Amino acid sequence: VCVHHVRSCSSIQFIKSKYVCLFDKSALKFSHHQRLFRTSSVSCGQIVQFKLSDIGEGITEVTVKEWYIKEGDSVSQFDSICEVQSDKASVTITSRYDGIIRKLHYNLDEIAYVGKPLVDIEIDASKGVAPEEDVVETPALSHEEHTHQEIKGHKTLATPAVRRLAMENNIKLSEVVGTGKDNRILKEDILNYLAKQTGAILPPSPKAEIIPPLPKSEGVPAAPKEKVHKIPVPVSRPVAFSGKDKTEAVTGFQKAMVKTMSAALKIPHFGYCDEIDLTQLIQLREELKPLAQTRGVKLSFMPFFIKAASLGLLQYPILNASLDEGCQNITYKASHNIGVAMDTEQGLIVPNVKNVQVCSVFEIATELNRLQSLGSAGQLGTNDLTGGTFTLSNIGTIGGTYAKPVILPPEVAIGALGKIQVLPRFNGKGEVFKAQIMNVSWSADHRVIDGATMARFSNLWKSYLENPASMLLDLK
């Protein structure tokens, strides 16, 4: 009777204490296990709000430019979620979790804010949730779905530091071959993968590797065609004039320009101009272009300009420095991260070639090709656009001879290069000859740089370009 009474009750607390001694413990234990067995086929999942984390450089808001996933898609750690555009760079956001996308908080071209939810991801509750994430709900997850997630969420062996490095460079660990024990991915594996995929210039190793030119029998990528100046043509459809004013928000790179140039014009600028005879450099470039093409690299004049500037900065380090806001301290930069102004559809951007002081002309050309490709596609990262110490602006590719360049804070100097013109000049004997002339316009921070220093640097830079063979004596 007591056993029948227990089975008919929904809770054991209704059983009178005087009947407890009559229970068959084994029967009660069996009944309890049977109930657990019936519910084990369903496990609970958690939906976490994946917030937009701080991407550095004081950025507080970004524009969502592209979603790589949609609601219902499964993602793994380090999978790309979306691409966002800040006022400084394009950044690809990657997932921290293995799970299923349940909600997108923004549409395309909407403003997303740092610290606010970006997407909701349903994850396996048994794996726990990061403390900084907010749990929204815990819906049931079927056994079949749970098993499917475990198979897709196969983890690769790597330390947290290596995972962090991969995440910062938007690298999927599943695509990297590990060279450590049990195929564990090491830091060197990430760096080697990054160098192969992006062409990034890594710090020089003690043992330099010489890569011979490819044999003619092997396929060689065609060199990019020379840039052709397109003549503006009218649009195919007539423009409709509404007669109404239109107001648009200042966003993206335009917003960065407003902020940067407002700070730049607080600097007391002074200018210095000169002309350079590039006749010998043009001949040298024509001889080296075929060799560069066999390596799949377009060789322009800019790598020579950049390397000559770096050699000059070694002699005049004050031009590769920065001045603090209080004008109390000057920081001399060890690396020559020389920026190159680029005109893109998104606006003016200034990526920089890192560590030019330890790079060859060919390595600089390779890195410039990479930056130009990413710039044209609007995919330059924050690392490419920050950390510059000195800037060259090649305004001559568009037109013009002289300019008045504006310093890019916190740098202290910038140069603007005009177009190359064929002009008559006199030699030492008073004879007229045809020369390839380019004008250069320098701007410097007059608080820390005087005119004589700028002139001496310009003369040294000019000598390297007018006599390219002299660069060999100072190359390291």
Protein backbone atom coordinates (compact mmCIF):
# COMPACT_ATOMS: atom_id res chain seq x y z
CA VAL A 1 0.00 0.00 0.00
CA CYS A 2 2.82 2.38 0.87
CA VAL A 3 4.62 1.72 -2.45
CA HIS A 4 1.41 2.33 -4.36
CA HIS A 5 0.94 5.58 -2.45
CA VAL A 6 4.44 6.76 -3.38
CA ARG A 7 3.92 6.10 -7.09
CA SER A 8 0.62 7.95 -7.11
CA CYS A 9 2.06 11.14 -5.60
CA SER A 10 3.78 13.80 -7.70
CA SER A 11 6.19 14.71 -4.90
CA ILE A 12 7.82 12.66 -2.19
CA GLN A 13 7.18 15.35 0.39
CA PHE A 14 3.54 14.26 0.72
CA ILE A 15 4.52 10.86 2.20
CA LYS A 16 3.93 10.49 5.89
CA SER A 17 7.00 9.83 7.98
CA LYS A 18 5.52 6.66 9.50
CA TYR A 19 5.57 4.96 6.11
CA VAL A 20 9.19 5.68 5.30
CA CYS A 21 10.39 2.54 7.02
CA LEU A 22 8.27 0.42 4.69
CA PHE A 23 9.88 1.72 1.46
CA ASP A 24 11.89 -0.54 -0.72
CA LYS A 25 14.99 1.62 -1.26
CA SER A 26 16.08 -0.24 -4.36
CA ALA A 27 12.71 0.31 -5.98
CA LEU A 28 12.80 4.04 -5.21
CA LYS A 29 16.34 4.36 -6.52
CA PHE A 30 15.43 2.60 -9.74
CA SER A 31 12.45 4.87 -10.25
CA HIS A 32 14.64 7.97 -9.80
CA HIS A 33 17.19 6.76 -12.38
CA GLN A 34 14.46 5.96 -14.82
CA ARG A 35 13.19 9.53 -14.63
CA LEU A 36 16.67 10.95 -15.25
CA PHE A 37 17.12 8.68 -18.23
CA ARG A 38 13.96 10.01 -19.80
CA THR A 39 15.19 13.66 -19.61
CA SER A 40 18.83 13.14 -20.61
CA SER A 41 18.01 13.28 -24.31
CA VAL A 42 17.52 17.08 -24.02
CA SER A 43 20.35 19.38 -22.89
CA CYS A 44 20.10 23.09 -22.33
CA GLY A 45 21.81 25.65 -24.58
CA GLN A 46 22.56 29.25 -23.76
CA ILE A 47 22.18 32.28 -25.97
CA VAL A 48 24.92 34.81 -25.31
CA GLN A 49 25.09 38.33 -26.60
CA PHE A 50 28.38 38.64 -28.44
CA LYS A 51 29.32 42.27 -27.88
CA LEU A 52 31.48 44.39 -30.14
CA SER A 53 34.77 44.55 -28.27
CA ASP A 54 37.20 47.45 -28.23
CA ILE A 55 39.19 47.39 -31.46
CA GLY A 56 41.68 49.99 -30.27
CA GLU A 57 42.77 53.46 -31.37
CA GLY A 58 39.94 55.05 -29.36
CA ILE A 59 37.27 53.81 -31.77
CA THR A 60 33.78 53.84 -30.20
CA GLU A 61 31.53 53.22 -33.19
CA VAL A 62 31.75 51.46 -36.55
CA THR A 63 29.58 50.96 -39.61
CA VAL A 64 28.50 47.41 -40.49
CA LYS A 65 29.57 46.95 -44.13
CA GLU A 66 29.00 43.23 -44.69
CA TRP A 67 27.60 40.18 -42.87
CA TYR A 68 29.33 36.86 -43.51
CA ILE A 69 26.66 34.90 -41.65
CA LYS A 70 22.89 34.91 -41.28
CA GLU A 71 20.47 33.78 -38.59
CA GLY A 72 20.52 30.00 -38.21
CA ASP A 73 24.10 29.55 -39.45
CA SER A 74 26.57 27.54 -37.39
CA VAL A 75 29.90 29.17 -36.54
CA SER A 76 33.14 28.06 -34.92
CA GLN A 77 35.74 30.00 -33.02
CA PHE A 78 37.62 32.51 -35.20
CA ASP A 79 35.07 32.25 -38.04
CA SER A 80 34.39 35.62 -39.66
CA ILE A 81 31.10 37.17 -38.59
CA CYS A 82 31.08 40.55 -40.28
CA GLU A 83 33.20 43.38 -41.64
CA VAL A 84 32.94 46.79 -40.02
CA GLN A 85 34.30 50.14 -41.12
CA SER A 86 35.64 52.59 -38.57
CA ASP A 87 36.95 56.05 -39.26
CA LYS A 88 40.43 54.53 -39.55
CA ALA A 89 40.22 51.06 -41.07
CA SER A 90 38.14 48.07 -42.09
CA VAL A 91 38.08 45.33 -39.46
CA THR A 92 36.79 41.78 -39.71
CA ILE A 93 35.02 40.61 -36.52
CA THR A 94 35.46 36.92 -35.66
CA SER A 95 33.50 34.63 -33.37
CA ARG A 96 34.65 33.63 -29.88
CA TYR A 97 32.33 30.62 -29.70
CA ASP A 98 31.15 27.50 -31.43
CA GLY A 99 27.42 27.82 -31.83
CA ILE A 100 24.43 28.90 -33.88
CA ILE A 101 23.60 32.47 -34.86
CA ARG A 102 20.18 33.37 -33.47
CA LYS A 103 19.97 37.13 -34.03
CA LEU A 104 21.75 39.92 -35.91
CA HIS A 105 21.43 43.21 -34.03
CA TYR A 106 22.25 45.48 -36.99
CA ASN A 107 21.43 45.83 -40.65
CA LEU A 108 23.95 46.81 -43.32
CA ASP A 109 25.27 50.39 -43.10
CA GLU A 110 23.94 50.81 -39.55
CA ILE A 111 26.16 52.18 -36.77
CA ALA A 112 27.33 49.59 -34.21
CA TYR A 113 28.75 50.73 -30.88
CA VAL A 114 31.62 49.23 -28.90
CA GLY A 115 30.31 47.35 -25.87
CA LYS A 116 26.85 46.80 -27.37
CA PRO A 117 25.53 43.41 -28.62
CA LEU A 118 26.47 42.55 -32.18
CA VAL A 119 24.90 39.08 -32.55
CA ASP A 120 23.24 36.47 -30.33
CA ILE A 121 24.93 33.07 -30.44
CA GLU A 122 23.45 29.87 -29.02
CA ILE A 123 26.19 27.79 -27.44
CA ASP A 124 26.41 24.53 -25.54
CA ALA A 125 25.54 25.24 -21.89
CA SER A 126 27.87 22.50 -20.64
CA LYS A 127 30.89 24.44 -21.89
CA GLY A 128 30.07 27.51 -19.84
CA VAL A 129 29.90 31.17 -20.81
CA ALA A 130 32.62 33.79 -20.65
CA PRO A 131 32.08 36.09 -17.64
CA GLU A 132 31.90 39.24 -19.74
CA GLU A 133 29.01 37.94 -21.84
CA ASP A 134 25.35 38.34 -20.88
CA VAL A 135 23.18 35.23 -20.98
CA VAL A 136 19.82 35.96 -22.57
CA GLU A 137 17.97 32.69 -22.31
CA THR A 138 18.53 28.93 -22.10
CA PRO A 139 16.30 27.13 -24.63
CA ALA A 140 16.29 23.36 -24.95
CA LEU A 141 18.72 21.78 -27.39
CA SER A 142 18.04 18.36 -28.82
CA HIS A 143 20.55 15.54 -28.54
CA GLU A 144 20.96 15.39 -32.30
CA GLU A 145 21.76 19.11 -32.48
CA HIS A 146 24.19 18.80 -29.58
CA THR A 147 26.05 15.95 -31.27
CA HIS A 148 26.22 17.91 -34.54
CA GLN A 149 27.72 20.88 -32.72
CA GLU A 150 30.35 18.74 -31.03
CA ILE A 151 31.45 17.34 -34.39
CA LYS A 152 31.64 20.78 -36.01
CA GLY A 153 33.29 22.35 -33.01
CA HIS A 154 36.44 20.23 -33.16
CA LYS A 155 39.20 22.11 -31.36
CA THR A 156 42.75 22.55 -32.61
CA LEU A 157 45.63 22.29 -30.16
CA ALA A 158 46.99 25.77 -29.43
CA THR A 159 47.82 27.88 -26.41
CA PRO A 160 45.61 30.88 -25.50
CA ALA A 161 48.36 33.25 -26.63
CA VAL A 162 48.48 31.61 -30.07
CA ARG A 163 44.68 31.70 -30.33
CA ARG A 164 44.75 35.38 -29.46
CA LEU A 165 47.39 36.05 -32.14
CA ALA A 166 45.29 34.20 -34.70
CA MET A 167 42.16 36.12 -33.72
CA GLU A 168 43.92 39.49 -33.98
CA ASN A 169 45.02 38.63 -37.53
CA ASN A 170 41.69 37.06 -38.56
CA ILE A 171 43.23 33.64 -39.12
CA LYS A 172 41.26 30.39 -38.83
CA LEU A 173 43.26 27.88 -36.83
CA SER A 174 41.74 25.06 -38.88
CA GLU A 175 43.66 26.36 -41.92
CA VAL A 176 47.06 26.45 -40.18
CA VAL A 177 49.34 23.42 -40.16
CA GLY A 178 50.78 22.86 -36.69
CA THR A 179 54.43 21.87 -36.32
CA GLY A 180 54.39 21.25 -32.57
CA LYS A 181 53.80 18.04 -30.65
CA ASP A 182 50.54 16.30 -31.66
CA ASN A 183 50.17 18.91 -34.45
CA ARG A 184 49.94 21.71 -31.92
CA ILE A 185 49.95 25.16 -33.55
CA LEU A 186 52.86 27.33 -32.46
CA LYS A 187 53.38 31.08 -32.72
CA GLU A 188 55.84 30.53 -35.58
CA ASP A 189 53.14 28.66 -37.52
CA ILE A 190 50.82 31.65 -37.28
CA LEU A 191 53.55 34.09 -38.38
CA ASN A 192 54.57 31.89 -41.31
CA TYR A 193 50.94 31.49 -42.39
CA LEU A 194 50.40 35.24 -42.15
CA ALA A 195 53.50 35.96 -44.24
CA LYS A 196 52.39 33.57 -46.99
CA GLN A 197 48.81 34.83 -47.10
CA THR A 198 49.35 38.58 -46.84
CA GLY A 199 52.92 39.12 -47.95
CA ALA A 200 53.65 40.84 -44.65
CA ILE A 201 57.26 41.69 -43.96
CA LEU A 202 58.42 39.85 -40.85
CA PRO A 203 61.41 40.87 -38.75
CA PRO A 204 64.65 39.64 -40.33
CA SER A 205 65.82 36.23 -39.22
CA PRO A 206 69.49 35.50 -38.46
CA LYS A 207 69.78 33.32 -41.56
CA ALA A 208 68.56 35.11 -44.68
CA GLU A 209 66.89 32.95 -47.32
CA ILE A 210 67.72 33.76 -50.93
CA ILE A 211 64.90 33.00 -53.36
CA PRO A 212 66.17 32.50 -56.90
CA PRO A 213 64.14 33.81 -59.84
CA LEU A 214 61.54 31.42 -61.22
CA PRO A 215 62.54 29.48 -64.36
CA LYS A 216 61.00 30.70 -67.57
CA SER A 217 59.22 27.38 -68.03
CA GLU A 218 57.17 27.92 -64.89
CA GLY A 219 54.08 30.03 -64.91
CA VAL A 220 54.79 33.60 -63.89
CA PRO A 221 51.96 35.88 -62.80
CA ALA A 222 51.51 38.75 -65.17
CA ALA A 223 52.63 42.11 -63.91
CA PRO A 224 49.85 44.58 -63.26
CA LYS A 225 49.18 46.95 -66.12
CA GLU A 226 50.36 50.51 -65.87
CA LYS A 227 47.76 52.86 -64.45
CA VAL A 228 45.97 54.72 -67.23
CA HIS A 229 44.57 58.15 -66.58
CA LYS A 230 40.92 57.93 -67.52
CA ILE A 231 39.23 60.88 -69.13
CA PRO A 232 36.06 61.82 -67.23
CA VAL A 233 32.94 61.09 -69.25
CA PRO A 234 29.37 62.20 -68.60
CA VAL A 235 27.09 59.78 -66.82
CA SER A 236 24.82 57.74 -69.06
CA ARG A 237 21.64 58.97 -67.41
CA PRO A 238 20.67 62.58 -66.81
CA VAL A 239 21.07 63.92 -63.30
CA ALA A 240 17.78 64.84 -61.65
CA PHE A 241 17.96 68.13 -59.78
CA SER A 242 15.53 68.16 -56.89
CA GLY A 243 16.34 71.69 -55.82
CA LYS A 244 16.59 70.58 -52.19
CA ASP A 245 19.59 70.63 -49.89
CA LYS A 246 20.82 67.26 -48.65
CA THR A 247 22.52 66.65 -45.30
CA GLU A 248 24.71 63.60 -44.74
CA ALA A 249 26.60 62.47 -41.65
CA VAL A 250 30.39 62.62 -41.74
CA THR A 251 31.47 58.98 -41.44
CA GLY A 252 34.29 56.60 -42.23
CA PHE A 253 37.62 57.93 -43.47
CA GLN A 254 36.11 61.36 -44.01
CA LYS A 255 35.43 61.56 -40.28
CA ALA A 256 39.02 60.56 -39.57
CA MET A 257 40.25 63.28 -41.91
CA VAL A 258 38.23 65.92 -40.07
CA LYS A 259 39.71 64.87 -36.75
CA THR A 260 43.28 64.46 -37.97
CA MET A 261 43.49 67.65 -40.02
CA SER A 262 41.94 69.72 -37.23
CA ALA A 263 44.79 68.57 -35.00
CA ALA A 264 47.38 68.96 -37.77
CA LEU A 265 46.63 72.62 -38.41
CA LYS A 266 47.56 73.43 -34.84
CA ILE A 267 51.15 72.61 -35.83
CA PRO A 268 53.28 75.52 -37.10
CA HIS A 269 54.26 74.31 -40.58
CA PHE A 270 57.08 75.52 -42.74
CA GLY A 271 57.73 74.47 -46.33
CA TYR A 272 60.77 73.67 -48.43
CA CYS A 273 60.75 72.83 -52.15
CA ASP A 274 63.32 71.52 -54.61
CA GLU A 275 63.60 69.65 -57.90
CA ILE A 276 65.25 66.29 -58.58
CA ASP A 277 66.71 65.01 -61.84
CA LEU A 278 65.51 61.40 -62.11
CA THR A 279 67.14 60.60 -65.45
CA GLN A 280 69.48 57.93 -64.04
CA LEU A 281 66.83 56.47 -61.75
CA ILE A 282 64.44 56.06 -64.70
CA GLN A 283 67.09 54.12 -66.61
CA LEU A 284 67.79 51.89 -63.59
CA ARG A 285 64.11 51.16 -63.07
CA GLU A 286 63.67 50.17 -66.72
CA GLU A 287 66.49 47.65 -66.31
CA LEU A 288 65.04 46.18 -63.09
CA LYS A 289 61.37 46.06 -64.11
CA PRO A 290 61.64 42.74 -66.04
CA LEU A 291 63.37 41.07 -63.09
CA ALA A 292 60.65 42.30 -60.73
CA GLN A 293 57.96 41.05 -63.11
CA THR A 294 59.44 37.55 -63.05
CA ARG A 295 58.84 37.64 -59.29
CA GLY A 296 55.30 38.88 -59.76
CA VAL A 297 55.96 42.37 -58.40
CA LYS A 298 55.26 45.73 -60.01
CA LEU A 299 58.28 48.00 -59.56
CA SER A 300 57.39 51.69 -59.45
CA PHE A 301 59.50 54.68 -58.44
CA MET A 302 57.99 54.82 -54.97
CA PRO A 303 60.13 51.99 -53.45
CA PHE A 304 63.26 53.99 -54.39
CA PHE A 305 61.79 57.18 -52.92
CA ILE A 306 60.92 55.36 -49.70
CA LYS A 307 64.31 53.65 -49.32
CA ALA A 308 66.18 56.89 -50.02
CA ALA A 309 64.07 58.62 -47.37
CA SER A 310 64.93 55.89 -44.85
CA LEU A 311 68.65 56.29 -45.56
CA GLY A 312 68.25 60.01 -45.00
CA LEU A 313 66.37 59.47 -41.74
CA LEU A 314 69.32 57.50 -40.41
CA GLN A 315 71.36 60.69 -40.69
CA TYR A 316 68.60 63.03 -39.49
CA PRO A 317 66.57 61.05 -36.89
CA ILE A 318 64.75 64.21 -35.71
CA LEU A 319 62.57 63.88 -38.84
CA ASN A 320 61.52 60.39 -37.71
CA ALA A 321 60.31 61.54 -34.30
CA SER A 322 57.16 62.69 -32.51
CA LEU A 323 56.41 65.50 -30.09
CA ASP A 324 54.07 64.97 -27.15
CA GLU A 325 50.96 67.11 -26.65
CA GLY A 326 52.60 69.18 -23.95
CA CYS A 327 55.62 69.87 -26.19
CA GLN A 328 57.90 68.66 -23.39
CA ASN A 329 59.37 65.45 -24.85
CA ILE A 330 60.58 64.26 -28.24
CA THR A 331 60.43 60.53 -29.00
CA TYR A 332 62.91 59.32 -31.62
CA LYS A 333 61.36 56.32 -33.39
CA ALA A 334 63.58 53.29 -33.89
CA SER A 335 61.53 51.96 -36.82
CA HIS A 336 61.08 53.74 -40.12
CA ASN A 337 57.39 53.13 -40.79
CA ILE A 338 56.99 55.27 -43.88
CA GLY A 339 53.44 56.08 -44.90
CA VAL A 340 52.23 56.43 -48.48
CA ALA A 341 49.13 58.54 -49.15
CA MET A 342 46.61 56.72 -51.37
CA ASP A 343 43.54 58.03 -53.13
CA THR A 344 40.75 55.44 -52.88
CA GLU A 345 37.00 55.33 -53.36
CA GLN A 346 36.64 55.51 -49.57
CA GLY A 347 38.76 58.67 -49.43
CA LEU A 348 42.36 59.52 -48.59
CA ILE A 349 44.14 56.80 -46.60
CA VAL A 350 47.78 56.57 -45.50
CA PRO A 351 49.00 52.99 -44.94
CA ASN A 352 52.65 52.58 -44.06
CA VAL A 353 55.47 50.21 -44.88
CA LYS A 354 56.89 48.88 -41.63
CA ASN A 355 60.61 48.74 -40.77
CA VAL A 356 61.89 50.20 -44.02
CA GLN A 357 65.36 50.55 -42.45
CA VAL A 358 65.84 46.75 -42.71
CA CYS A 359 64.03 46.21 -46.02
CA SER A 360 65.42 45.98 -49.53
CA VAL A 361 63.94 47.93 -52.42
CA PHE A 362 62.33 44.74 -53.68
CA GLU A 363 60.77 43.99 -50.29
CA ILE A 364 59.38 47.52 -50.15
CA ALA A 365 57.89 47.06 -53.63
CA THR A 366 56.26 43.78 -52.56
CA GLU A 367 54.70 45.39 -49.50
CA LEU A 368 53.51 48.38 -51.54
CA ASN A 369 51.78 46.04 -53.98
CA ARG A 370 49.98 44.38 -51.07
CA LEU A 371 48.91 47.69 -49.53
CA GLN A 372 47.69 49.04 -52.87
CA SER A 373 45.63 45.90 -53.53
CA LEU A 374 44.02 46.02 -50.09
CA GLY A 375 43.49 49.77 -50.36
CA SER A 376 41.68 49.44 -53.69
CA ALA A 377 39.43 46.77 -52.17
CA GLY A 378 38.84 48.78 -48.99
CA GLN A 379 40.29 46.00 -46.85
CA LEU A 380 43.24 47.68 -45.14
CA GLY A 381 43.48 46.73 -41.47
CA THR A 382 44.23 48.90 -38.47
CA ASN A 383 47.82 47.64 -38.32
CA ASP A 384 48.43 48.86 -41.88
CA LEU A 385 47.07 52.33 -41.15
CA THR A 386 48.64 53.03 -37.77
CA GLY A 387 52.16 53.40 -36.43
CA GLY A 388 53.52 55.63 -39.20
CA THR A 389 56.59 57.77 -38.46
CA PHE A 390 57.17 59.64 -41.75
CA THR A 391 55.00 60.17 -44.84
CA LEU A 392 55.39 60.62 -48.60
CA SER A 393 52.46 61.72 -50.76
CA ASN A 394 52.77 61.05 -54.48
CA ILE A 395 50.37 63.70 -55.74
CA GLY A 396 52.10 63.57 -59.13
CA THR A 397 50.21 60.44 -60.14
CA ILE A 398 47.10 62.63 -60.41
CA GLY A 399 48.72 65.88 -61.54
CA GLY A 400 50.52 68.96 -60.34
CA THR A 401 54.12 69.80 -59.57
CA TYR A 402 54.19 71.60 -56.21
CA ALA A 403 51.97 71.12 -53.17
CA LYS A 404 51.66 72.22 -49.57
CA PRO A 405 51.35 68.92 -47.68
CA VAL A 406 49.87 68.87 -44.19
CA ILE A 407 51.72 66.94 -41.48
CA LEU A 408 50.00 63.81 -40.20
CA PRO A 409 50.16 63.93 -36.37
CA PRO A 410 52.06 62.76 -34.38
CA GLU A 411 54.66 62.86 -37.15
CA VAL A 412 56.84 65.93 -37.67
CA ALA A 413 57.50 65.89 -41.43
CA ILE A 414 55.89 64.98 -44.75
CA GLY A 415 56.88 65.16 -48.42
CA ALA A 416 54.71 65.66 -51.52
CA LEU A 417 56.05 64.39 -54.85
CA GLY A 418 55.04 66.08 -58.10
CA LYS A 419 54.73 64.58 -61.55
CA ILE A 420 57.84 63.79 -63.63
CA GLN A 421 58.33 66.19 -66.54
CA VAL A 422 60.75 66.28 -69.44
CA LEU A 423 62.38 69.73 -69.21
CA PRO A 424 65.48 71.42 -70.66
CA ARG A 425 68.38 71.92 -68.28
CA PHE A 426 72.01 73.06 -68.54
CA ASN A 427 74.98 70.86 -67.76
CA GLY A 428 78.35 72.03 -66.35
CA LYS A 429 79.53 73.09 -69.79
CA GLY A 430 76.50 75.28 -70.39
CA GLU A 431 74.98 72.84 -72.87
CA VAL A 432 71.25 72.21 -72.94
CA PHE A 433 70.11 68.63 -72.37
CA LYS A 434 66.83 66.81 -71.79
CA ALA A 435 66.18 65.98 -68.12
CA GLN A 436 63.48 64.06 -66.25
CA ILE A 437 62.53 66.51 -63.50
CA MET A 438 60.36 65.88 -60.44
CA ASN A 439 59.52 68.54 -57.87
CA VAL A 440 59.28 67.76 -54.15
CA SER A 441 57.56 69.84 -51.47
CA TRP A 442 58.41 69.24 -47.81
CA SER A 443 56.48 70.37 -44.74
CA ALA A 444 57.97 70.15 -41.25
CA ASP A 445 57.01 70.97 -37.67
CA HIS A 446 58.83 74.24 -36.99
CA ARG A 447 58.66 73.68 -33.23
CA VAL A 448 61.36 71.02 -33.39
CA ILE A 449 62.79 71.20 -36.94
CA ASP A 450 64.61 74.14 -38.47
CA GLY A 451 64.95 74.98 -42.14
CA ALA A 452 68.60 73.99 -42.36
CA THR A 453 67.90 70.45 -41.12
CA MET A 454 65.09 70.02 -43.60
CA ALA A 455 67.26 71.32 -46.45
CA ARG A 456 70.18 69.02 -45.59
CA PHE A 457 67.88 66.00 -45.42
CA SER A 458 66.32 66.94 -48.77
CA ASN A 459 69.76 67.32 -50.36
CA LEU A 460 70.83 63.88 -49.12
CA TRP A 461 67.58 62.30 -50.33
CA LYS A 462 68.04 64.05 -53.67
CA SER A 463 71.61 62.77 -54.06
CA TYR A 464 70.50 59.16 -53.57
CA LEU A 465 67.86 59.50 -56.29
CA GLU A 466 70.00 61.41 -58.79
CA ASN A 467 72.83 58.89 -58.32
CA PRO A 468 71.10 55.57 -57.51
CA ALA A 469 74.40 53.69 -57.42
CA SER A 470 75.40 55.72 -54.35
CA MET A 471 72.61 54.01 -52.40
CA LEU A 472 74.61 50.76 -52.52
CA LEU A 473 77.23 52.23 -50.21
CA ASP A 474 74.70 52.79 -47.40
CA LEU A 475 72.32 49.85 -47.86
CA LYS A 476 72.27 47.46 -44.91
